[in-house]
Amino acid sequence: MTLDRETARIGYNGNRLGWRVQGVVGKLLALATGAVLLVGAVAISIAVFAAAAAGLLVVGLYVWWKTRDLRKQMRAASSNHAVSNPAVIDGEIIEGEVVERTIIRDVPPRDP
């Protein structure tokens, strides 16, 4: 076996892709095929996007519908809390910090 000669590969005729588009008709056919594939890919992606959007809408409406009683209870609890909370006067929330000073009068002051 000699190393000078390259072994022949099946389907390889010296071109990089193994075949070559010949003539104007072949080039037009390749261009048309590429255009059809591009339009088909765009159409499929639009259909997939529409299906995903419809699915998200259905799931969102389902969650909204199932949580309506919970939202109603939360609104009622927040309105009841505002009435029973002493820090809320006429719908205004008073926020602050209470500091209490206690003076003990039973202990006599120390002499310095």
C-alpha atoms as a PDB file:
ATOM      1  CA  MET A   1       0.000   0.000   0.000  1.00  0.00           C
ATOM      2  CA  THR A   2       1.376   3.343  -1.000  1.00  0.00           C
ATOM      3  CA  LEU A   3       0.645   6.618   0.742  1.00  0.00           C
ATOM      4  CA  ASP A   4       0.917   8.679  -2.447  1.00  0.00           C
ATOM      5  CA  ARG A   5      -2.518   7.856  -3.749  1.00  0.00           C
ATOM      6  CA  GLU A   6      -5.675   9.246  -2.065  1.00  0.00           C
ATOM      7  CA  THR A   7      -8.414   6.704  -1.587  1.00  0.00           C
ATOM      8  CA  ALA A   8     -11.575   7.362  -3.524  1.00  0.00           C
ATOM      9  CA  ARG A   9     -14.674   8.142  -1.486  1.00  0.00           C
ATOM     10  CA  ILE A  10     -18.138   7.159  -2.567  1.00  0.00           C
ATOM     11  CA  GLY A  11     -20.147  10.088  -3.922  1.00  0.00           C
ATOM     12  CA  TYR A  12     -17.173  12.457  -3.977  1.00  0.00           C
ATOM     13  CA  ASN A  13     -16.182  13.864  -7.338  1.00  0.00           C
ATOM     14  CA  GLY A  14     -13.898  16.712  -6.312  1.00  0.00           C
ATOM     15  CA  ASN A  15     -16.568  19.293  -5.544  1.00  0.00           C
ATOM     16  CA  ARG A  16     -17.095  20.408  -2.005  1.00  0.00           C
ATOM     17  CA  LEU A  17     -20.778  19.441  -1.767  1.00  0.00           C
ATOM     18  CA  GLY A  18     -20.502  16.431  -3.948  1.00  0.00           C
ATOM     19  CA  TRP A  19     -22.885  17.852  -6.560  1.00  0.00           C
ATOM     20  CA  ARG A  20     -23.334  21.128  -8.298  1.00  0.00           C
ATOM     21  CA  VAL A  21     -26.344  23.004  -9.659  1.00  0.00           C
ATOM     22  CA  GLN A  22     -25.992  23.059 -13.439  1.00  0.00           C
ATOM     23  CA  GLY A  23     -27.480  25.706 -15.686  1.00  0.00           C
ATOM     24  CA  VAL A  24     -30.096  28.396 -15.363  1.00  0.00           C
ATOM     25  CA  VAL A  25     -33.005  25.976 -14.894  1.00  0.00           C
ATOM     26  CA  GLY A  26     -31.287  24.295 -11.952  1.00  0.00           C
ATOM     27  CA  LYS A  27     -30.515  27.637 -10.339  1.00  0.00           C
ATOM     28  CA  LEU A  28     -34.114  28.818 -10.740  1.00  0.00           C
ATOM     29  CA  LEU A  29     -35.362  25.540  -9.293  1.00  0.00           C
ATOM     30  CA  ALA A  30     -33.005  25.917  -6.316  1.00  0.00           C
ATOM     31  CA  LEU A  31     -34.158  29.512  -5.783  1.00  0.00           C
ATOM     32  CA  ALA A  32     -37.838  28.517  -5.945  1.00  0.00           C
ATOM     33  CA  THR A  33     -37.259  25.650  -3.522  1.00  0.00           C
ATOM     34  CA  GLY A  34     -35.519  27.992  -1.071  1.00  0.00           C
ATOM     35  CA  ALA A  35     -38.336  30.539  -1.312  1.00  0.00           C
ATOM     36  CA  VAL A  36     -40.984  27.865  -0.693  1.00  0.00           C
ATOM     37  CA  LEU A  37     -39.067  26.545   2.321  1.00  0.00           C
ATOM     38  CA  LEU A  38     -38.685  30.063   3.736  1.00  0.00           C
ATOM     39  CA  VAL A  39     -42.392  30.877   3.321  1.00  0.00           C
ATOM     40  CA  GLY A  40     -43.335  27.514   4.847  1.00  0.00           C
ATOM     41  CA  ALA A  41     -41.071  28.077   7.845  1.00  0.00           C
ATOM     42  CA  VAL A  42     -42.578  31.526   8.460  1.00  0.00           C
ATOM     43  CA  ALA A  43     -46.121  30.142   8.155  1.00  0.00           C
ATOM     44  CA  ILE A  44     -45.383  27.326  10.601  1.00  0.00           C
ATOM     45  CA  SER A  45     -43.766  29.723  13.093  1.00  0.00           C
ATOM     46  CA  ILE A  46     -46.814  32.015  12.941  1.00  0.00           C
ATOM     47  CA  ALA A  47     -49.122  29.055  13.547  1.00  0.00           C
ATOM     48  CA  VAL A  48     -47.023  27.864  16.506  1.00  0.00           C
ATOM     49  CA  PHE A  49     -46.964  31.389  17.976  1.00  0.00           C
ATOM     50  CA  ALA A  50     -50.744  31.726  17.600  1.00  0.00           C
ATOM     51  CA  ALA A  51     -51.312  28.351  19.271  1.00  0.00           C
ATOM     52  CA  ALA A  52     -49.002  29.287  22.169  1.00  0.00           C
ATOM     53  CA  ALA A  53     -50.735  32.658  22.601  1.00  0.00           C
ATOM     54  CA  ALA A  54     -54.160  30.993  22.592  1.00  0.00           C
ATOM     55  CA  GLY A  55     -52.970  28.447  25.159  1.00  0.00           C
ATOM     56  CA  LEU A  56     -51.616  31.169  27.439  1.00  0.00           C
ATOM     57  CA  LEU A  57     -54.876  33.095  27.115  1.00  0.00           C
ATOM     58  CA  VAL A  58     -56.911  30.008  28.055  1.00  0.00           C
ATOM     59  CA  VAL A  59     -54.679  29.285  31.077  1.00  0.00           C
ATOM     60  CA  GLY A  60     -54.807  32.925  32.181  1.00  0.00           C
ATOM     61  CA  LEU A  61     -58.598  33.054  31.937  1.00  0.00           C
ATOM     62  CA  TYR A  62     -58.864  29.781  33.857  1.00  0.00           C
ATOM     63  CA  VAL A  63     -56.683  31.111  36.692  1.00  0.00           C
ATOM     64  CA  TRP A  64     -58.587  34.405  36.714  1.00  0.00           C
ATOM     65  CA  TRP A  65     -61.923  32.594  36.891  1.00  0.00           C
ATOM     66  CA  LYS A  66     -60.829  30.208  39.638  1.00  0.00           C
ATOM     67  CA  THR A  67     -59.407  32.988  41.843  1.00  0.00           C
ATOM     68  CA  ARG A  68     -62.370  35.382  41.659  1.00  0.00           C
ATOM     69  CA  ASP A  69     -63.775  34.240  45.039  1.00  0.00           C
ATOM     70  CA  LEU A  70     -60.361  34.634  46.642  1.00  0.00           C
ATOM     71  CA  ARG A  71     -60.035  38.180  45.263  1.00  0.00           C
ATOM     72  CA  LYS A  72     -63.519  39.004  46.563  1.00  0.00           C
ATOM     73  CA  GLN A  73     -62.603  37.711  50.038  1.00  0.00           C
ATOM     74  CA  MET A  74     -59.356  39.694  50.014  1.00  0.00           C
ATOM     75  CA  ARG A  75     -61.199  42.910  49.109  1.00  0.00           C
ATOM     76  CA  ALA A  76     -63.732  42.320  51.888  1.00  0.00           C
ATOM     77  CA  ALA A  77     -60.967  41.554  54.401  1.00  0.00           C
ATOM     78  CA  SER A  78     -59.019  44.680  53.495  1.00  0.00           C
ATOM     79  CA  SER A  79     -62.098  46.900  53.829  1.00  0.00           C
ATOM     80  CA  ASN A  80     -62.979  45.293  57.199  1.00  0.00           C
ATOM     81  CA  HIS A  81     -59.391  45.684  58.374  1.00  0.00           C
ATOM     82  CA  ALA A  82     -59.450  49.401  57.609  1.00  0.00           C
ATOM     83  CA  VAL A  83     -62.516  49.877  59.834  1.00  0.00           C
ATOM     84  CA  SER A  84     -61.254  47.799  62.756  1.00  0.00           C
ATOM     85  CA  ASN A  85     -57.660  49.090  62.714  1.00  0.00           C
ATOM     86  CA  PRO A  86     -57.237  51.963  65.202  1.00  0.00           C
ATOM     87  CA  ALA A  87     -54.359  53.433  63.180  1.00  0.00           C
ATOM     88  CA  VAL A  88     -56.764  54.208  60.340  1.00  0.00           C
ATOM     89  CA  ILE A  89     -58.899  57.299  60.823  1.00  0.00           C
ATOM     90  CA  ASP A  90     -61.350  58.259  58.082  1.00  0.00           C
ATOM     91  CA  GLY A  91     -59.470  56.264  55.478  1.00  0.00           C
ATOM     92  CA  GLU A  92     -56.084  57.838  56.321  1.00  0.00           C
ATOM     93  CA  ILE A  93     -53.322  55.608  57.540  1.00  0.00           C
ATOM     94  CA  ILE A  94     -51.271  57.057  60.364  1.00  0.00           C
ATOM     95  CA  GLU A  95     -47.787  55.638  60.395  1.00  0.00           C
ATOM     96  CA  GLY A  96     -45.169  56.363  62.991  1.00  0.00           C
ATOM     97  CA  GLU A  97     -43.137  55.130  65.870  1.00  0.00           C
ATOM     98  CA  VAL A  98     -44.103  55.352  69.526  1.00  0.00           C
ATOM     99  CA  VAL A  99     -41.387  56.112  72.050  1.00  0.00           C
ATOM    100  CA  GLU A 100     -42.395  55.831  75.666  1.00  0.00           C
ATOM    101  CA  ARG A 101     -40.409  57.420  78.453  1.00  0.00           C
ATOM    102  CA  THR A 102     -40.940  56.003  81.871  1.00  0.00           C
ATOM    103  CA  ILE A 103     -39.824  57.941  84.929  1.00  0.00           C
ATOM    104  CA  ILE A 104     -39.504  55.865  88.047  1.00  0.00           C
ATOM    105  CA  ARG A 105     -40.152  58.035  91.085  1.00  0.00           C
ATOM    106  CA  ASP A 106     -39.716  55.362  93.740  1.00  0.00           C
ATOM    107  CA  VAL A 107     -35.950  55.282  93.479  1.00  0.00           C
ATOM    108  CA  PRO A 108     -34.143  58.297  94.878  1.00  0.00           C
ATOM    109  CA  PRO A 109     -31.673  59.985  92.568  1.00  0.00           C
ATOM    110  CA  ARG A 110     -27.993  59.096  92.999  1.00  0.00           C
ATOM    111  CA  ASP A 111     -25.550  61.497  94.500  1.00  0.00           C
ATOM    112  CA  PRO A 112     -22.594  62.297  92.273  1.00  0.00           C
END
